[in-house]
Protein backbone atom coordinates (compact mmCIF):
# COMPACT_ATOMS: atom_id res chain seq x y z
CA UNK A 1 43.02 38.49 -2.42
CA UNK A 2 45.03 35.31 -2.95
CA UNK A 3 46.36 33.96 -6.25
CA UNK A 4 44.20 31.94 -8.51
CA UNK A 5 45.55 28.40 -8.85
CA UNK A 6 44.87 26.76 -12.24
CA UNK A 7 43.59 23.14 -12.05
CA UNK A 8 44.85 20.57 -14.46
CA UNK A 9 42.48 18.55 -16.56
CA UNK A 10 42.54 14.79 -15.68
CA UNK A 11 44.65 12.77 -18.08
CA UNK A 12 43.06 10.44 -20.59
CA UNK A 13 42.58 6.70 -19.90
CA UNK A 14 45.64 5.17 -18.37
CA UNK A 15 47.42 2.41 -20.31
CA UNK A 16 49.04 -0.69 -18.99
CA UNK A 17 52.56 -1.94 -19.91
CA UNK A 18 51.32 -3.53 -23.16
CA UNK A 19 49.61 -0.43 -24.28
CA UNK A 20 46.15 -1.64 -23.78
CA UNK A 21 43.58 0.81 -22.45
CA UNK A 22 42.44 0.06 -18.93
CA UNK A 23 38.87 0.82 -17.68
CA UNK A 24 35.71 -0.96 -18.49
CA UNK A 25 37.40 -4.11 -19.78
CA UNK A 26 39.42 -4.41 -16.59
CA UNK A 27 36.19 -4.93 -14.68
CA UNK A 28 34.62 -7.33 -17.22
CA UNK A 29 32.58 -4.89 -19.30
CA UNK A 30 33.86 -5.53 -22.77
CA UNK A 31 32.58 -4.08 -26.02
CA UNK A 32 32.06 -7.23 -28.10
CA UNK A 33 32.03 -6.99 -31.89
CA UNK A 34 31.60 -9.95 -34.32
CA UNK A 35 34.80 -10.84 -36.13
CA UNK A 36 34.05 -12.44 -39.50
CA UNK A 37 37.53 -13.74 -40.24
CA UNK A 38 36.95 -17.25 -38.84
CA UNK A 39 33.42 -18.74 -38.96
CA UNK A 40 34.11 -22.47 -39.13
CA UNK A 41 35.76 -24.68 -36.53
CA UNK A 42 37.49 -27.57 -38.30
CA UNK A 43 38.01 -29.71 -35.14
CA UNK A 44 34.38 -29.94 -34.05
CA UNK A 45 32.79 -29.26 -37.49
CA UNK A 46 30.50 -26.60 -36.23
CA UNK A 47 29.81 -23.01 -37.23
CA UNK A 48 31.19 -20.61 -34.70
CA UNK A 49 30.86 -16.97 -33.99
CA UNK A 50 34.10 -15.19 -32.99
CA UNK A 51 33.57 -12.06 -30.84
CA UNK A 52 36.48 -9.56 -30.32
CA UNK A 53 36.55 -6.77 -27.82
CA UNK A 54 36.99 -3.35 -29.60
CA UNK A 55 38.93 -1.93 -26.63
CA UNK A 56 41.25 -4.66 -25.40
CA UNK A 57 41.33 -7.24 -28.19
CA UNK A 58 40.18 -10.16 -26.06
CA UNK A 59 38.37 -12.91 -28.03
CA UNK A 60 35.48 -15.29 -27.13
CA UNK A 61 34.07 -18.06 -29.33
CA UNK A 62 30.51 -19.27 -29.22
CA UNK A 63 29.43 -22.50 -31.08
CA UNK A 64 26.03 -22.88 -32.65
């Protein structure tokens, strides 16, 4: 019989140079969470909702 070759487990999520996790966000599938730090936009005078991605930290703002 031949020798048994142990297989390595695949490494975790790869990170880019800035330390951000690659994966779903790279393809546009962010995990948005409401950030309650800033709720009022002083330039337009409207209430805004700030969403921040839990994985990569990208932000998007939606005015009401």
